[in-house]
PDB file of N, CA and C in Angstrom:
ATOM      1  N   MET A   1      38.019 -24.912  18.026  1.00  0.00           N
ATOM      2  CA  MET A   1      37.324 -23.654  17.808  1.00  0.00           C
ATOM      3  C   MET A   1      37.337 -22.874  19.110  1.00  0.00           C
ATOM      4  N   HIS A   2      37.463 -21.672  19.102  1.00  0.00           N
ATOM      5  CA  HIS A   2      37.503 -20.800  20.339  1.00  0.00           C
ATOM      6  C   HIS A   2      36.156 -20.844  20.928  1.00  0.00           C
ATOM      7  N   THR A   3      36.184 -20.785  22.379  1.00  0.00           N
ATOM      8  CA  THR A   3      35.055 -20.887  23.084  1.00  0.00           C
ATOM      9  C   THR A   3      33.972 -19.817  22.870  1.00  0.00           C
ATOM     10  N   ALA A   4      34.547 -18.548  22.633  1.00  0.00           N
ATOM     11  CA  ALA A   4      33.624 -17.467  22.303  1.00  0.00           C
ATOM     12  C   ALA A   4      32.913 -17.678  21.121  1.00  0.00           C
ATOM     13  N   VAL A   5      33.577 -18.236  20.056  1.00  0.00           N
ATOM     14  CA  VAL A   5      32.975 -18.475  18.794  1.00  0.00           C
ATOM     15  C   VAL A   5      31.882 -19.514  18.954  1.00  0.00           C
ATOM     16  N   MET A   6      32.114 -20.600  19.744  1.00  0.00           N
ATOM     17  CA  MET A   6      31.124 -21.622  20.050  1.00  0.00           C
ATOM     18  C   MET A   6      29.912 -21.076  20.735  1.00  0.00           C
ATOM     19  N   GLN A   7      30.190 -20.295  21.667  1.00  0.00           N
ATOM     20  CA  GLN A   7      29.120 -19.595  22.417  1.00  0.00           C
ATOM     21  C   GLN A   7      28.284 -18.780  21.516  1.00  0.00           C
ATOM     22  N   SER A   8      28.913 -18.020  20.639  1.00  0.00           N
ATOM     23  CA  SER A   8      28.214 -17.092  19.723  1.00  0.00           C
ATOM     24  C   SER A   8      27.239 -17.867  18.805  1.00  0.00           C
ATOM     25  N   VAL A   9      27.826 -19.013  18.287  1.00  0.00           N
ATOM     26  CA  VAL A   9      26.982 -19.876  17.484  1.00  0.00           C
ATOM     27  C   VAL A   9      25.850 -20.561  18.222  1.00  0.00           C
ATOM     28  N   GLN A  10      26.101 -20.998  19.479  1.00  0.00           N
ATOM     29  CA  GLN A  10      25.109 -21.559  20.274  1.00  0.00           C
ATOM     30  C   GLN A  10      23.982 -20.481  20.591  1.00  0.00           C
ATOM     31  N   ARG A  11      24.446 -19.203  20.982  1.00  0.00           N
ATOM     32  CA  ARG A  11      23.487 -18.184  21.087  1.00  0.00           C
ATOM     33  C   ARG A  11      22.621 -17.920  19.939  1.00  0.00           C
ATOM     34  N   TYR A  12      23.142 -17.950  18.849  1.00  0.00           N
ATOM     35  CA  TYR A  12      22.409 -17.723  17.513  1.00  0.00           C
ATOM     36  C   TYR A  12      21.424 -18.848  17.406  1.00  0.00           C
ATOM     37  N   PHE A  13      21.803 -20.079  17.529  1.00  0.00           N
ATOM     38  CA  PHE A  13      20.844 -21.220  17.571  1.00  0.00           C
ATOM     39  C   PHE A  13      19.681 -21.028  18.505  1.00  0.00           C
ATOM     40  N   ASN A  14      20.079 -20.636  19.783  1.00  0.00           N
ATOM     41  CA  ASN A  14      19.033 -20.543  20.717  1.00  0.00           C
ATOM     42  C   ASN A  14      18.031 -19.488  20.434  1.00  0.00           C
ATOM     43  N   TYR A  15      18.443 -18.340  19.898  1.00  0.00           N
ATOM     44  CA  TYR A  15      17.617 -17.277  19.632  1.00  0.00           C
ATOM     45  C   TYR A  15      16.673 -17.590  18.450  1.00  0.00           C
ATOM     46  N   HIS A  16      17.191 -18.206  17.339  1.00  0.00           N
ATOM     47  CA  HIS A  16      16.501 -18.476  16.203  1.00  0.00           C
ATOM     48  C   HIS A  16      15.789 -19.883  16.358  1.00  0.00           C
ATOM     49  N   ALA A  17      15.790 -20.549  17.348  1.00  0.00           N
ATOM     50  CA  ALA A  17      15.181 -21.875  17.424  1.00  0.00           C
ATOM     51  C   ALA A  17      13.735 -21.955  17.555  1.00  0.00           C
ATOM     52  N   VAL A  18      13.065 -21.412  16.576  1.00  0.00           N
ATOM     53  CA  VAL A  18      11.583 -21.298  16.552  1.00  0.00           C
ATOM     54  C   VAL A  18      11.033 -22.311  15.589  1.00  0.00           C
ATOM     55  N   PRO A  19       9.875 -22.818  15.625  1.00  0.00           N
ATOM     56  CA  PRO A  19       9.223 -23.809  14.831  1.00  0.00           C
ATOM     57  C   PRO A  19       9.286 -23.209  13.317  1.00  0.00           C
ATOM     58  N   GLY A  20       9.628 -24.154  12.429  1.00  0.00           N
ATOM     59  CA  GLY A  20       9.625 -23.756  11.029  1.00  0.00           C
ATOM     60  C   GLY A  20      10.954 -23.280  10.573  1.00  0.00           C
ATOM     61  N   ASN A  21      11.961 -23.224  11.426  1.00  0.00           N
ATOM     62  CA  ASN A  21      13.154 -22.614  11.144  1.00  0.00           C
ATOM     63  C   ASN A  21      14.434 -23.661  11.025  1.00  0.00           C
ATOM     64  N   PRO A  22      14.233 -24.863  11.090  1.00  0.00           N
ATOM     65  CA  PRO A  22      15.366 -25.708  11.138  1.00  0.00           C
ATOM     66  C   PRO A  22      16.229 -25.708   9.933  1.00  0.00           C
ATOM     67  N   ALA A  23      15.615 -25.427   8.746  1.00  0.00           N
ATOM     68  CA  ALA A  23      16.427 -25.488   7.517  1.00  0.00           C
ATOM     69  C   ALA A  23      17.417 -24.317   7.575  1.00  0.00           C
ATOM     70  N   SER A  24      17.018 -23.145   7.992  1.00  0.00           N
ATOM     71  CA  SER A  24      18.001 -22.049   7.979  1.00  0.00           C
ATOM     72  C   SER A  24      18.945 -22.150   9.095  1.00  0.00           C
ATOM     73  N   LEU A  25      18.697 -22.855  10.064  1.00  0.00           N
ATOM     74  CA  LEU A  25      19.712 -23.130  11.239  1.00  0.00           C
ATOM     75  C   LEU A  25      20.661 -24.222  10.668  1.00  0.00           C
ATOM     76  N   GLN A  26      20.347 -25.024   9.912  1.00  0.00           N
ATOM     77  CA  GLN A  26      21.231 -26.059   9.341  1.00  0.00           C
ATOM     78  C   GLN A  26      22.140 -25.344   8.215  1.00  0.00           C
ATOM     79  N   SER A  27      21.419 -24.399   7.512  1.00  0.00           N
ATOM     80  CA  SER A  27      22.288 -23.621   6.588  1.00  0.00           C
ATOM     81  C   SER A  27      23.341 -22.865   7.236  1.00  0.00           C
ATOM     82  N   PHE A  28      22.953 -22.104   8.392  1.00  0.00           N
ATOM     83  CA  PHE A  28      23.916 -21.470   9.136  1.00  0.00           C
ATOM     84  C   PHE A  28      25.066 -22.253   9.562  1.00  0.00           C
ATOM     85  N   ARG A  29      24.757 -23.422  10.112  1.00  0.00           N
ATOM     86  CA  ARG A  29      25.747 -24.278  10.564  1.00  0.00           C
ATOM     87  C   ARG A  29      26.770 -24.761   9.503  1.00  0.00           C
ATOM     88  N   LEU A  30      26.150 -25.000   8.286  1.00  0.00           N
ATOM     89  CA  LEU A  30      27.056 -25.350   7.222  1.00  0.00           C
ATOM     90  C   LEU A  30      27.965 -24.200   6.823  1.00  0.00           C
ATOM     91  N   GLU A  31      27.424 -22.922   6.796  1.00  0.00           N
ATOM     92  CA  GLU A  31      28.226 -21.735   6.376  1.00  0.00           C
ATOM     93  C   GLU A  31      29.326 -21.532   7.432  1.00  0.00           C
ATOM     94  N   VAL A  32      29.033 -21.789   8.733  1.00  0.00           N
ATOM     95  CA  VAL A  32      30.042 -21.690   9.750  1.00  0.00           C
ATOM     96  C   VAL A  32      31.180 -22.759   9.507  1.00  0.00           C
ATOM     97  N   SER A  33      30.801 -23.926   9.113  1.00  0.00           N
ATOM     98  CA  SER A  33      31.798 -24.919   8.865  1.00  0.00           C
ATOM     99  C   SER A  33      32.535 -24.606   7.669  1.00  0.00           C
ATOM    100  N   LYS A  34      31.918 -24.037   6.617  1.00  0.00           N
ATOM    101  CA  LYS A  34      32.739 -23.643   5.432  1.00  0.00           C
ATOM    102  C   LYS A  34      33.801 -22.560   5.754  1.00  0.00           C
ATOM    103  N   ARG A  35      33.253 -21.548   6.486  1.00  0.00           N
ATOM    104  CA  ARG A  35      34.293 -20.491   6.856  1.00  0.00           C
ATOM    105  C   ARG A  35      35.407 -20.989   7.719  1.00  0.00           C
ATOM    106  N   TRP A  36      35.045 -21.947   8.675  1.00  0.00           N
ATOM    107  CA  TRP A  36      36.006 -22.568   9.461  1.00  0.00           C
ATOM    108  C   TRP A  36      37.116 -23.301   8.782  1.00  0.00           C
ATOM    109  N   LEU A  37      36.544 -24.098   7.623  1.00  0.00           N
ATOM    110  CA  LEU A  37      37.542 -24.792   6.694  1.00  0.00           C
ATOM    111  C   LEU A  37      38.383 -23.782   5.935  1.00  0.00           C
ATOM    112  N   ARG A  38      37.838 -22.759   5.462  1.00  0.00           N
ATOM    113  CA  ARG A  38      38.638 -21.747   4.753  1.00  0.00           C
ATOM    114  C   ARG A  38      39.692 -21.099   5.591  1.00  0.00           C
ATOM    115  N   ALA A  39      39.347 -20.771   6.846  1.00  0.00           N
ATOM    116  CA  ALA A  39      40.297 -20.225   7.816  1.00  0.00           C
ATOM    117  C   ALA A  39      41.462 -21.162   8.048  1.00  0.00           C
ATOM    118  N   LEU A  40      41.024 -22.453   8.296  1.00  0.00           N
ATOM    119  CA  LEU A  40      42.154 -23.491   8.553  1.00  0.00           C
ATOM    120  C   LEU A  40      43.042 -23.743   7.326  1.00  0.00           C
ATOM    121  N   PHE A  41      42.454 -23.581   5.991  1.00  0.00           N
ATOM    122  CA  PHE A  41      43.307 -23.715   4.908  1.00  0.00           C
ATOM    123  C   PHE A  41      44.275 -22.600   4.802  1.00  0.00           C
ATOM    124  N   ARG A  42      43.826 -21.388   5.148  1.00  0.00           N
ATOM    125  CA  ARG A  42      44.719 -20.163   5.035  1.00  0.00           C
ATOM    126  C   ARG A  42      45.803 -20.319   6.058  1.00  0.00           C
ATOM    127  N   ARG A  43      45.671 -20.862   7.145  1.00  0.00           N
ATOM    128  CA  ARG A  43      46.668 -20.991   8.174  1.00  0.00           C
ATOM    129  C   ARG A  43      47.733 -21.998   7.881  1.00  0.00           C
ATOM    130  N   SER A  44      47.490 -22.954   6.959  1.00  0.00           N
ATOM    131  CA  SER A  44      48.348 -23.991   6.719  1.00  0.00           C
ATOM    132  C   SER A  44      48.852 -23.970   5.317  1.00  0.00           C
ATOM    133  N   GLN A  45      50.142 -24.195   5.150  1.00  0.00           N
ATOM    134  CA  GLN A  45      50.840 -24.235   3.813  1.00  0.00           C
ATOM    135  C   GLN A  45      50.447 -25.671   3.201  1.00  0.00           C
ATOM    136  N   LYS A  46      50.553 -26.620   3.983  1.00  0.00           N
ATOM    137  CA  LYS A  46      50.326 -28.076   3.571  1.00  0.00           C
ATOM    138  C   LYS A  46      48.945 -28.467   4.198  1.00  0.00           C
ATOM    139  N   SER A  47      47.880 -28.092   3.630  1.00  0.00           N
ATOM    140  CA  SER A  47      46.608 -28.419   4.276  1.00  0.00           C
ATOM    141  C   SER A  47      46.290 -29.982   4.111  1.00  0.00           C
ATOM    142  N   ARG A  48      46.292 -30.610   5.206  1.00  0.00           N
ATOM    143  CA  ARG A  48      45.853 -31.995   5.089  1.00  0.00           C
ATOM    144  C   ARG A  48      44.449 -32.226   5.748  1.00  0.00           C
ATOM    145  N   LEU A  49      43.733 -31.078   5.813  1.00  0.00           N
ATOM    146  CA  LEU A  49      42.404 -31.143   6.333  1.00  0.00           C
ATOM    147  C   LEU A  49      41.447 -31.495   5.165  1.00  0.00           C
ATOM    148  N   THR A  50      40.669 -32.554   5.329  1.00  0.00           N
ATOM    149  CA  THR A  50      39.709 -32.924   4.339  1.00  0.00           C
ATOM    150  C   THR A  50      38.243 -32.734   4.831  1.00  0.00           C
ATOM    151  N   TRP A  51      37.323 -32.715   3.931  1.00  0.00           N
ATOM    152  CA  TRP A  51      35.870 -32.458   4.357  1.00  0.00           C
ATOM    153  C   TRP A  51      35.565 -33.568   5.469  1.00  0.00           C
ATOM    154  N   LYS A  52      35.955 -34.683   5.326  1.00  0.00           N
ATOM    155  CA  LYS A  52      35.678 -35.816   6.375  1.00  0.00           C
ATOM    156  C   LYS A  52      36.221 -35.445   7.734  1.00  0.00           C
ATOM    157  N   ARG A  53      37.436 -35.102   7.750  1.00  0.00           N
ATOM    158  CA  ARG A  53      38.016 -34.713   8.989  1.00  0.00           C
ATOM    159  C   ARG A  53      37.398 -33.345   9.602  1.00  0.00           C
ATOM    160  N   LEU A  54      37.082 -32.366   8.691  1.00  0.00           N
ATOM    161  CA  LEU A  54      36.390 -31.290   9.217  1.00  0.00           C
ATOM    162  C   LEU A  54      35.028 -31.691   9.751  1.00  0.00           C
ATOM    163  N   ALA A  55      34.333 -32.624   9.093  1.00  0.00           N
ATOM    164  CA  ALA A  55      33.070 -32.946   9.548  1.00  0.00           C
ATOM    165  C   ALA A  55      33.134 -33.580  10.921  1.00  0.00           C
ATOM    166  N   ASP A  56      34.175 -34.276  11.236  1.00  0.00           N
ATOM    167  CA  ASP A  56      34.382 -34.825  12.626  1.00  0.00           C
ATOM    168  C   ASP A  56      34.579 -33.689  13.622  1.00  0.00           C
ATOM    169  N   PHE A  57      35.248 -32.697  13.235  1.00  0.00           N
ATOM    170  CA  PHE A  57      35.510 -31.423  14.124  1.00  0.00           C
ATOM    171  C   PHE A  57      34.092 -30.720  14.328  1.00  0.00           C
ATOM    172  N   VAL A  58      33.357 -30.617  13.151  1.00  0.00           N
ATOM    173  CA  VAL A  58      32.152 -29.887  13.391  1.00  0.00           C
ATOM    174  C   VAL A  58      31.169 -30.737  14.196  1.00  0.00           C
ATOM    175  N   GLU A  59      31.128 -31.997  14.110  1.00  0.00           N
ATOM    176  CA  GLU A  59      30.322 -32.716  15.044  1.00  0.00           C
ATOM    177  C   GLU A  59      30.543 -32.678  16.423  1.00  0.00           C
ATOM    178  N   GLN A  60      31.967 -32.550  16.643  1.00  0.00           N
ATOM    179  CA  GLN A  60      32.387 -32.446  18.038  1.00  0.00           C
ATOM    180  C   GLN A  60      32.135 -31.060  18.568  1.00  0.00           C
ATOM    181  N   TRP A  61      32.351 -30.035  17.848  1.00  0.00           N
ATOM    182  CA  TRP A  61      32.341 -28.588  18.385  1.00  0.00           C
ATOM    183  C   TRP A  61      31.150 -27.957  18.264  1.00  0.00           C
ATOM    184  N   LEU A  62      30.360 -28.110  17.015  1.00  0.00           N
ATOM    185  CA  LEU A  62      29.136 -27.348  16.863  1.00  0.00           C
ATOM    186  C   LEU A  62      28.008 -28.330  17.151  1.00  0.00           C
ATOM    187  N   LEU A  63      27.125 -27.934  18.130  1.00  0.00           N
ATOM    188  CA  LEU A  63      26.070 -28.658  18.360  1.00  0.00           C
ATOM    189  C   LEU A  63      24.999 -28.677  17.208  1.00  0.00           C
ATOM    190  N   LEU A  64      24.075 -29.656  17.059  1.00  0.00           N
ATOM    191  CA  LEU A  64      23.129 -29.610  16.142  1.00  0.00           C
ATOM    192  C   LEU A  64      22.017 -28.565  16.624  1.00  0.00           C
ATOM    193  N   PRO A  65      21.521 -27.801  15.803  1.00  0.00           N
ATOM    194  CA  PRO A  65      20.286 -26.953  16.239  1.00  0.00           C
ATOM    195  C   PRO A  65      19.129 -27.700  16.510  1.00  0.00           C
ATOM    196  N   THR A  66      18.473 -27.352  17.622  1.00  0.00           N
ATOM    197  CA  THR A  66      17.152 -27.962  18.009  1.00  0.00           C
ATOM    198  C   THR A  66      16.156 -26.915  18.087  1.00  0.00           C
ATOM    199  N   ILE A  67      14.889 -27.167  17.957  1.00  0.00           N
ATOM    200  CA  ILE A  67      13.870 -26.188  18.070  1.00  0.00           C
ATOM    201  C   ILE A  67      13.574 -26.169  19.572  1.00  0.00           C
ATOM    202  N   LEU A  68      13.699 -24.890  20.147  1.00  0.00           N
ATOM    203  CA  LEU A  68      13.537 -24.703  21.671  1.00  0.00           C
ATOM    204  C   LEU A  68      12.259 -23.949  21.959  1.00  0.00           C
ATOM    205  N   HIS A  69      11.628 -23.322  21.134  1.00  0.00           N
ATOM    206  CA  HIS A  69      10.524 -22.454  21.431  1.00  0.00           C
ATOM    207  C   HIS A  69       9.308 -22.992  20.823  1.00  0.00           C
ATOM    208  N   PRO A  70       8.263 -23.024  21.541  1.00  0.00           N
ATOM    209  CA  PRO A  70       6.977 -23.568  20.964  1.00  0.00           C
ATOM    210  C   PRO A  70       6.347 -22.560  20.023  1.00  0.00           C
ATOM    211  N   TYR A  71       5.247 -22.947  19.420  1.00  0.00           N
ATOM    212  CA  TYR A  71       4.568 -22.078  18.611  1.00  0.00           C
ATOM    213  C   TYR A  71       3.891 -20.933  19.413  1.00  0.00           C
ATOM    214  N   PRO A  72       3.690 -19.744  18.924  1.00  0.00           N
ATOM    215  CA  PRO A  72       3.186 -18.638  19.626  1.00  0.00           C
ATOM    216  C   PRO A  72       1.905 -18.880  20.394  1.00  0.00           C
ATOM    217  N   ASN A  73       0.939 -19.598  19.736  1.00  0.00           N
ATOM    218  CA  ASN A  73      -0.267 -19.813  20.500  1.00  0.00           C
ATOM    219  C   ASN A  73      -0.314 -20.779  21.607  1.00  0.00           C
ATOM    220  N   LEU A  74       0.819 -21.602  21.669  1.00  0.00           N
ATOM    221  CA  LEU A  74       1.042 -22.449  22.870  1.00  0.00           C
ATOM    222  C   LEU A  74       1.907 -21.701  23.805  1.00  0.00           C
ATOM    223  N   ARG A  75       2.748 -20.812  23.332  1.00  0.00           N
ATOM    224  CA  ARG A  75       3.715 -20.146  24.238  1.00  0.00           C
ATOM    225  C   ARG A  75       2.839 -19.057  25.150  1.00  0.00           C
ATOM    226  N   PHE A  76       1.995 -18.356  24.542  1.00  0.00           N
ATOM    227  CA  PHE A  76       1.358 -17.373  25.253  1.00  0.00           C
ATOM    228  C   PHE A  76       0.013 -17.804  25.709  1.00  0.00           C
ATOM    229  N   ASP A  77      -0.281 -19.045  25.527  1.00  0.00           N
ATOM    230  CA  ASP A  77      -1.562 -19.595  26.004  1.00  0.00           C
ATOM    231  C   ASP A  77      -2.807 -18.790  25.547  1.00  0.00           C
ATOM    232  N   ALA A  78      -2.842 -18.543  24.283  1.00  0.00           N
ATOM    233  CA  ALA A  78      -3.915 -17.835  23.580  1.00  0.00           C
ATOM    234  C   ALA A  78      -5.168 -18.555  23.720  1.00  0.00           C
ATOM    235  N   LYS A  79      -6.240 -18.050  24.387  1.00  0.00           N
ATOM    236  CA  LYS A  79      -7.460 -18.737  24.607  1.00  0.00           C
ATOM    237  C   LYS A  79      -8.615 -18.184  23.728  1.00  0.00           C
ATOM    238  N   HIS A  80      -8.484 -16.930  23.398  1.00  0.00           N
ATOM    239  CA  HIS A  80      -9.667 -16.341  22.676  1.00  0.00           C
ATOM    240  C   HIS A  80      -9.062 -15.669  21.381  1.00  0.00           C
ATOM    241  N   LEU A  81      -9.907 -15.740  20.300  1.00  0.00           N
ATOM    242  CA  LEU A  81      -9.428 -15.169  19.007  1.00  0.00           C
ATOM    243  C   LEU A  81      -9.913 -13.623  19.026  1.00  0.00           C
ATOM    244  N   ARG A  82      -9.135 -12.912  18.203  1.00  0.00           N
ATOM    245  CA  ARG A  82      -9.482 -11.474  18.117  1.00  0.00           C
ATOM    246  C   ARG A  82     -10.376 -11.374  16.991  1.00  0.00           C
TER     247      ARG A  82
END
């Protein structure tokens, strides 16, 4: 996978890495891997790429999304209620 694409995916993960959002980050990762598989099938007349082999590539090149940002009440150190 091209470095710019990997960086774009990582930036997306970093921006959206808020608590309560891991399911949508995993869904995004799955969609990226589906599109990657489709693009590789298009480039090859004799596609020997299987889901197992693609999963190995995805594990190598696409990092797992992790939650990086804390909850807002912890992040902004909210001490009094409005």
